[in-house]
Amino acid sequence: MRVNGKRATPGQRVACGDRISLVKKQLPWEVEITRIPARRGPAREAEACYREKDAARARREALGQQLKATAG
């Protein structure tokens, strides 16, 4: 995982405006932190704290389709 282009450390704190890039299940994610929640909560609440650019989402979804096509 990277925060603002630099390798993240375990337990690293993030702030609003930070950009996070990571790979989850072979798919790249690029998000920007929009707010910090008051508590650690469920994924549904976490999703309201970041946004993903449309272009990054489209690339991830296209790659996911390619991976499914080659696996099946």
PDB file of N, CA and C in Angstrom:
ATOM      1  N   MET A   1       0.853  -1.165   0.000  1.00  0.00           N
ATOM      2  CA  MET A   1       0.000   0.000   0.000  1.00  0.00           C
ATOM      3  C   MET A   1       0.903   1.233   0.000  1.00  0.00           C
ATOM      4  N   ARG A   2       0.443   2.257  -0.686  1.00  0.00           N
ATOM      5  CA  ARG A   2       1.164   3.527  -0.748  1.00  0.00           C
ATOM      6  C   ARG A   2       0.227   4.667  -0.359  1.00  0.00           C
ATOM      7  N   VAL A   3       0.788   5.629   0.350  1.00  0.00           N
ATOM      8  CA  VAL A   3       0.061   6.838   0.720  1.00  0.00           C
ATOM      9  C   VAL A   3       0.823   8.003   0.103  1.00  0.00           C
ATOM     10  N   ASN A   4       0.146   8.731  -0.769  1.00  0.00           N
ATOM     11  CA  ASN A   4       0.759   9.855  -1.478  1.00  0.00           C
ATOM     12  C   ASN A   4       2.044   9.439  -2.200  1.00  0.00           C
ATOM     13  N   GLY A   5       2.037   8.245  -2.773  1.00  0.00           N
ATOM     14  CA  GLY A   5       3.155   7.757  -3.566  1.00  0.00           C
ATOM     15  C   GLY A   5       4.286   7.119  -2.783  1.00  0.00           C
ATOM     16  N   LYS A   6       4.213   7.129  -1.455  1.00  0.00           N
ATOM     17  CA  LYS A   6       5.270   6.548  -0.626  1.00  0.00           C
ATOM     18  C   LYS A   6       4.748   5.313   0.072  1.00  0.00           C
ATOM     19  N   ARG A   7       5.643   4.325   0.241  1.00  0.00           N
ATOM     20  CA  ARG A   7       5.254   3.087   0.919  1.00  0.00           C
ATOM     21  C   ARG A   7       4.707   3.396   2.307  1.00  0.00           C
ATOM     22  N   ALA A   8       3.564   2.829   2.623  1.00  0.00           N
ATOM     23  CA  ALA A   8       2.917   3.054   3.922  1.00  0.00           C
ATOM     24  C   ALA A   8       3.513   2.127   4.969  1.00  0.00           C
ATOM     25  N   THR A   9       3.484   2.582   6.207  1.00  0.00           N
ATOM     26  CA  THR A   9       3.939   1.762   7.323  1.00  0.00           C
ATOM     27  C   THR A   9       2.718   1.267   8.088  1.00  0.00           C
ATOM     28  N   PRO A  10       2.838   0.156   8.818  1.00  0.00           N
ATOM     29  CA  PRO A  10       1.699  -0.327   9.595  1.00  0.00           C
ATOM     30  C   PRO A  10       1.245   0.738  10.600  1.00  0.00           C
ATOM     31  N   GLY A  11      -0.036   0.972  10.656  1.00  0.00           N
ATOM     32  CA  GLY A  11      -0.591   1.928  11.590  1.00  0.00           C
ATOM     33  C   GLY A  11      -0.401   3.381  11.183  1.00  0.00           C
ATOM     34  N   GLN A  12       0.038   3.608   9.950  1.00  0.00           N
ATOM     35  CA  GLN A  12       0.252   4.986   9.496  1.00  0.00           C
ATOM     36  C   GLN A  12      -1.060   5.752   9.480  1.00  0.00           C
ATOM     37  N   ARG A  13      -1.023   6.963   9.961  1.00  0.00           N
ATOM     38  CA  ARG A  13      -2.217   7.809   9.970  1.00  0.00           C
ATOM     39  C   ARG A  13      -2.360   8.502   8.628  1.00  0.00           C
ATOM     40  N   VAL A  14      -3.599   8.719   8.244  1.00  0.00           N
ATOM     41  CA  VAL A  14      -3.880   9.433   7.007  1.00  0.00           C
ATOM     42  C   VAL A  14      -4.721  10.660   7.331  1.00  0.00           C
ATOM     43  N   ALA A  15      -4.734  11.599   6.396  1.00  0.00           N
ATOM     44  CA  ALA A  15      -5.496  12.831   6.573  1.00  0.00           C
ATOM     45  C   ALA A  15      -6.356  13.056   5.337  1.00  0.00           C
ATOM     46  N   CYS A  16      -7.312  13.947   5.459  1.00  0.00           N
ATOM     47  CA  CYS A  16      -8.152  14.299   4.321  1.00  0.00           C
ATOM     48  C   CYS A  16      -7.259  14.801   3.190  1.00  0.00           C
ATOM     49  N   GLY A  17      -7.563  14.337   1.988  1.00  0.00           N
ATOM     50  CA  GLY A  17      -6.779  14.726   0.824  1.00  0.00           C
ATOM     51  C   GLY A  17      -5.674  13.747   0.477  1.00  0.00           C
ATOM     52  N   ASP A  18      -5.310  12.845   1.392  1.00  0.00           N
ATOM     53  CA  ASP A  18      -4.284  11.841   1.091  1.00  0.00           C
ATOM     54  C   ASP A  18      -4.795  10.896   0.024  1.00  0.00           C
ATOM     55  N   ARG A  19      -3.885  10.456  -0.827  1.00  0.00           N
ATOM     56  CA  ARG A  19      -4.212   9.499  -1.882  1.00  0.00           C
ATOM     57  C   ARG A  19      -3.603   8.148  -1.518  1.00  0.00           C
ATOM     58  N   ILE A  20      -4.436   7.121  -1.570  1.00  0.00           N
ATOM     59  CA  ILE A  20      -4.001   5.771  -1.223  1.00  0.00           C
ATOM     60  C   ILE A  20      -4.099   4.893  -2.455  1.00  0.00           C
ATOM     61  N   SER A  21      -3.050   4.121  -2.711  1.00  0.00           N
ATOM     62  CA  SER A  21      -3.086   3.142  -3.792  1.00  0.00           C
ATOM     63  C   SER A  21      -2.710   1.784  -3.195  1.00  0.00           C
ATOM     64  N   LEU A  22      -3.458   0.769  -3.608  1.00  0.00           N
ATOM     65  CA  LEU A  22      -3.230  -0.582  -3.103  1.00  0.00           C
ATOM     66  C   LEU A  22      -3.732  -1.592  -4.118  1.00  0.00           C
ATOM     67  N   VAL A  23      -3.366  -2.841  -3.897  1.00  0.00           N
ATOM     68  CA  VAL A  23      -3.840  -3.933  -4.745  1.00  0.00           C
ATOM     69  C   VAL A  23      -4.622  -4.890  -3.857  1.00  0.00           C
ATOM     70  N   LYS A  24      -5.857  -5.161  -4.248  1.00  0.00           N
ATOM     71  CA  LYS A  24      -6.739  -6.054  -3.494  1.00  0.00           C
ATOM     72  C   LYS A  24      -7.281  -7.087  -4.467  1.00  0.00           C
ATOM     73  N   LYS A  25      -7.000  -8.353  -4.209  1.00  0.00           N
ATOM     74  CA  LYS A  25      -7.433  -9.448  -5.085  1.00  0.00           C
ATOM     75  C   LYS A  25      -6.990  -9.198  -6.530  1.00  0.00           C
ATOM     76  N   GLN A  26      -5.721  -8.839  -6.701  1.00  0.00           N
ATOM     77  CA  GLN A  26      -5.087  -8.596  -7.996  1.00  0.00           C
ATOM     78  C   GLN A  26      -5.597  -7.355  -8.705  1.00  0.00           C
ATOM     79  N   LEU A  27      -6.433  -6.554  -8.071  1.00  0.00           N
ATOM     80  CA  LEU A  27      -6.997  -5.376  -8.713  1.00  0.00           C
ATOM     81  C   LEU A  27      -6.477  -4.104  -8.044  1.00  0.00           C
ATOM     82  N   PRO A  28      -6.017  -3.127  -8.844  1.00  0.00           N
ATOM     83  CA  PRO A  28      -5.488  -1.881  -8.272  1.00  0.00           C
ATOM     84  C   PRO A  28      -6.605  -0.932  -7.850  1.00  0.00           C
ATOM     85  N   TRP A  29      -6.442  -0.348  -6.694  1.00  0.00           N
ATOM     86  CA  TRP A  29      -7.379   0.653  -6.180  1.00  0.00           C
ATOM     87  C   TRP A  29      -6.611   1.950  -5.988  1.00  0.00           C
ATOM     88  N   GLU A  30      -7.211   3.073  -6.350  1.00  0.00           N
ATOM     89  CA  GLU A  30      -6.657   4.399  -6.114  1.00  0.00           C
ATOM     90  C   GLU A  30      -7.782   5.270  -5.578  1.00  0.00           C
ATOM     91  N   VAL A  31      -7.648   5.671  -4.322  1.00  0.00           N
ATOM     92  CA  VAL A  31      -8.704   6.460  -3.684  1.00  0.00           C
ATOM     93  C   VAL A  31      -8.118   7.696  -3.012  1.00  0.00           C
ATOM     94  N   GLU A  32      -8.988   8.654  -2.748  1.00  0.00           N
ATOM     95  CA  GLU A  32      -8.611   9.861  -2.015  1.00  0.00           C
ATOM     96  C   GLU A  32      -9.462   9.934  -0.753  1.00  0.00           C
ATOM     97  N   ILE A  33      -8.826  10.193   0.372  1.00  0.00           N
ATOM     98  CA  ILE A  33      -9.526  10.299   1.645  1.00  0.00           C
ATOM     99  C   ILE A  33     -10.313  11.610   1.658  1.00  0.00           C
ATOM    100  N   THR A  34     -11.611  11.533   1.947  1.00  0.00           N
ATOM    101  CA  THR A  34     -12.441  12.737   1.975  1.00  0.00           C
ATOM    102  C   THR A  34     -12.806  13.156   3.400  1.00  0.00           C
ATOM    103  N   ARG A  35     -12.786  12.226   4.329  1.00  0.00           N
ATOM    104  CA  ARG A  35     -13.036  12.566   5.730  1.00  0.00           C
ATOM    105  C   ARG A  35     -12.528  11.428   6.607  1.00  0.00           C
ATOM    106  N   ILE A  36     -12.311  11.715   7.865  1.00  0.00           N
ATOM    107  CA  ILE A  36     -11.839  10.728   8.826  1.00  0.00           C
ATOM    108  C   ILE A  36     -13.001  10.405   9.766  1.00  0.00           C
ATOM    109  N   PRO A  37     -13.390   9.136   9.859  1.00  0.00           N
ATOM    110  CA  PRO A  37     -14.517   8.783  10.738  1.00  0.00           C
ATOM    111  C   PRO A  37     -14.133   8.928  12.217  1.00  0.00           C
ATOM    112  N   ALA A  38     -15.125   9.112  13.053  1.00  0.00           N
ATOM    113  CA  ALA A  38     -14.892   9.264  14.490  1.00  0.00           C
ATOM    114  C   ALA A  38     -14.498   7.946  15.144  1.00  0.00           C
ATOM    115  N   ARG A  39     -14.910   6.844  14.525  1.00  0.00           N
ATOM    116  CA  ARG A  39     -14.602   5.519  15.098  1.00  0.00           C
ATOM    117  C   ARG A  39     -14.359   4.536  13.968  1.00  0.00           C
ATOM    118  N   ARG A  40     -13.734   3.435  14.324  1.00  0.00           N
ATOM    119  CA  ARG A  40     -13.565   2.359  13.363  1.00  0.00           C
ATOM    120  C   ARG A  40     -14.899   1.629  13.276  1.00  0.00           C
ATOM    121  N   GLY A  41     -15.438   1.518  12.075  1.00  0.00           N
ATOM    122  CA  GLY A  41     -16.752   0.922  11.928  1.00  0.00           C
ATOM    123  C   GLY A  41     -16.806  -0.028  10.747  1.00  0.00           C
ATOM    124  N   PRO A  42     -18.006  -0.376  10.319  1.00  0.00           N
ATOM    125  CA  PRO A  42     -18.179  -1.318   9.213  1.00  0.00           C
ATOM    126  C   PRO A  42     -17.772  -0.703   7.870  1.00  0.00           C
ATOM    127  N   ALA A  43     -17.584  -1.567   6.888  1.00  0.00           N
ATOM    128  CA  ALA A  43     -17.162  -1.146   5.555  1.00  0.00           C
ATOM    129  C   ALA A  43     -18.127  -0.131   4.954  1.00  0.00           C
ATOM    130  N   ARG A  44     -19.391  -0.284   5.212  1.00  0.00           N
ATOM    131  CA  ARG A  44     -20.394   0.637   4.662  1.00  0.00           C
ATOM    132  C   ARG A  44     -20.107   2.072   5.105  1.00  0.00           C
ATOM    133  N   GLU A  45     -19.696   2.256   6.354  1.00  0.00           N
ATOM    134  CA  GLU A  45     -19.348   3.585   6.840  1.00  0.00           C
ATOM    135  C   GLU A  45     -18.022   4.054   6.244  1.00  0.00           C
ATOM    136  N   ALA A  46     -17.080   3.146   6.089  1.00  0.00           N
ATOM    137  CA  ALA A  46     -15.775   3.502   5.529  1.00  0.00           C
ATOM    138  C   ALA A  46     -15.900   3.984   4.086  1.00  0.00           C
ATOM    139  N   GLU A  47     -16.805   3.399   3.333  1.00  0.00           N
ATOM    140  CA  GLU A  47     -16.988   3.784   1.930  1.00  0.00           C
ATOM    141  C   GLU A  47     -17.387   5.255   1.787  1.00  0.00           C
ATOM    142  N   ALA A  48     -17.979   5.823   2.816  1.00  0.00           N
ATOM    143  CA  ALA A  48     -18.377   7.229   2.775  1.00  0.00           C
ATOM    144  C   ALA A  48     -17.197   8.164   3.052  1.00  0.00           C
ATOM    145  N   CYS A  49     -16.036   7.597   3.366  1.00  0.00           N
ATOM    146  CA  CYS A  49     -14.867   8.396   3.751  1.00  0.00           C
ATOM    147  C   CYS A  49     -13.824   8.518   2.649  1.00  0.00           C
ATOM    148  N   TYR A  50     -14.070   7.946   1.507  1.00  0.00           N
ATOM    149  CA  TYR A  50     -13.116   8.071   0.404  1.00  0.00           C
ATOM    150  C   TYR A  50     -13.877   8.139  -0.906  1.00  0.00           C
ATOM    151  N   ARG A  51     -13.171   8.583  -1.941  1.00  0.00           N
ATOM    152  CA  ARG A  51     -13.773   8.574  -3.274  1.00  0.00           C
ATOM    153  C   ARG A  51     -12.739   8.039  -4.251  1.00  0.00           C
ATOM    154  N   GLU A  52     -13.255   7.376  -5.243  1.00  0.00           N
ATOM    155  CA  GLU A  52     -12.414   6.809  -6.294  1.00  0.00           C
ATOM    156  C   GLU A  52     -12.747   7.541  -7.592  1.00  0.00           C
ATOM    157  N   LYS A  53     -11.731   7.940  -8.320  1.00  0.00           N
ATOM    158  CA  LYS A  53     -11.964   8.629  -9.586  1.00  0.00           C
ATOM    159  C   LYS A  53     -12.587   7.662 -10.581  1.00  0.00           C
ATOM    160  N   ASP A  54     -13.442   8.193 -11.445  1.00  0.00           N
ATOM    161  CA  ASP A  54     -14.134   7.361 -12.432  1.00  0.00           C
ATOM    162  C   ASP A  54     -13.158   6.602 -13.322  1.00  0.00           C
ATOM    163  N   ALA A  55     -12.061   7.244 -13.741  1.00  0.00           N
ATOM    164  CA  ALA A  55     -11.082   6.590 -14.617  1.00  0.00           C
ATOM    165  C   ALA A  55     -10.416   5.412 -13.915  1.00  0.00           C
ATOM    166  N   ALA A  56     -10.088   5.570 -12.637  1.00  0.00           N
ATOM    167  CA  ALA A  56      -9.458   4.487 -11.874  1.00  0.00           C
ATOM    168  C   ALA A  56     -10.438   3.327 -11.702  1.00  0.00           C
ATOM    169  N   ARG A  57     -11.696   3.634 -11.439  1.00  0.00           N
ATOM    170  CA  ARG A  57     -12.714   2.587 -11.284  1.00  0.00           C
ATOM    171  C   ARG A  57     -12.902   1.837 -12.595  1.00  0.00           C
ATOM    172  N   ALA A  58     -12.937   2.557 -13.705  1.00  0.00           N
ATOM    173  CA  ALA A  58     -13.111   1.921 -15.017  1.00  0.00           C
ATOM    174  C   ALA A  58     -11.941   0.989 -15.331  1.00  0.00           C
ATOM    175  N   ARG A  59     -10.716   1.428 -15.023  1.00  0.00           N
ATOM    176  CA  ARG A  59      -9.542   0.558 -15.259  1.00  0.00           C
ATOM    177  C   ARG A  59      -9.624  -0.704 -14.417  1.00  0.00           C
ATOM    178  N   ARG A  60     -10.001  -0.538 -13.132  1.00  0.00           N
ATOM    179  CA  ARG A  60     -10.094  -1.697 -12.235  1.00  0.00           C
ATOM    180  C   ARG A  60     -11.159  -2.676 -12.713  1.00  0.00           C
ATOM    181  N   GLU A  61     -12.311  -2.155 -13.105  1.00  0.00           N
ATOM    182  CA  GLU A  61     -13.396  -3.029 -13.568  1.00  0.00           C
ATOM    183  C   GLU A  61     -13.024  -3.735 -14.865  1.00  0.00           C
ATOM    184  N   ALA A  62     -12.339  -3.047 -15.776  1.00  0.00           N
ATOM    185  CA  ALA A  62     -11.914  -3.672 -17.030  1.00  0.00           C
ATOM    186  C   ALA A  62     -10.905  -4.777 -16.753  1.00  0.00           C
ATOM    187  N   LEU A  63      -9.962  -4.521 -15.853  1.00  0.00           N
ATOM    188  CA  LEU A  63      -8.981  -5.546 -15.505  1.00  0.00           C
ATOM    189  C   LEU A  63      -9.661  -6.739 -14.843  1.00  0.00           C
ATOM    190  N   GLY A  64     -10.652  -6.473 -13.998  1.00  0.00           N
ATOM    191  CA  GLY A  64     -11.405  -7.560 -13.361  1.00  0.00           C
ATOM    192  C   GLY A  64     -12.101  -8.436 -14.381  1.00  0.00           C
ATOM    193  N   GLN A  65     -12.674  -7.827 -15.409  1.00  0.00           N
ATOM    194  CA  GLN A  65     -13.326  -8.604 -16.478  1.00  0.00           C
ATOM    195  C   GLN A  65     -12.304  -9.446 -17.237  1.00  0.00           C
ATOM    196  N   GLN A  66     -11.123  -8.872 -17.489  1.00  0.00           N
ATOM    197  CA  GLN A  66     -10.076  -9.627 -18.178  1.00  0.00           C
ATOM    198  C   GLN A  66      -9.637 -10.822 -17.348  1.00  0.00           C
ATOM    199  N   LEU A  67      -9.464 -10.618 -16.050  1.00  0.00           N
ATOM    200  CA  LEU A  67      -9.040 -11.716 -15.173  1.00  0.00           C
ATOM    201  C   LEU A  67     -10.094 -12.824 -15.139  1.00  0.00           C
ATOM    202  N   LYS A  68     -11.382 -12.445 -15.101  1.00  0.00           N
ATOM    203  CA  LYS A  68     -12.447 -13.450 -15.098  1.00  0.00           C
ATOM    204  C   LYS A  68     -12.455 -14.222 -16.421  1.00  0.00           C
ATOM    205  N   ALA A  69     -12.243 -13.536 -17.523  1.00  0.00           N
ATOM    206  CA  ALA A  69     -12.261 -14.188 -18.841  1.00  0.00           C
ATOM    207  C   ALA A  69     -11.101 -15.179 -18.985  1.00  0.00           C
ATOM    208  N   THR A  70      -9.945 -14.828 -18.477  1.00  0.00           N
ATOM    209  CA  THR A  70      -8.790 -15.735 -18.612  1.00  0.00           C
ATOM    210  C   THR A  70      -8.852 -16.880 -17.608  1.00  0.00           C
ATOM    211  N   ALA A  71      -9.530 -16.673 -16.479  1.00  0.00           N
ATOM    212  CA  ALA A  71      -9.635 -17.728 -15.471  1.00  0.00           C
ATOM    213  C   ALA A  71     -10.686 -18.775 -15.834  1.00  0.00           C
ATOM    214  N   GLY A  72     -11.692 -18.365 -16.573  1.00  0.00           N
ATOM    215  CA  GLY A  72     -12.832 -19.233 -16.810  1.00  0.00           C
ATOM    216  C   GLY A  72     -12.730 -19.942 -18.070  1.00  0.00           C
TER     217      GLY A  72
END
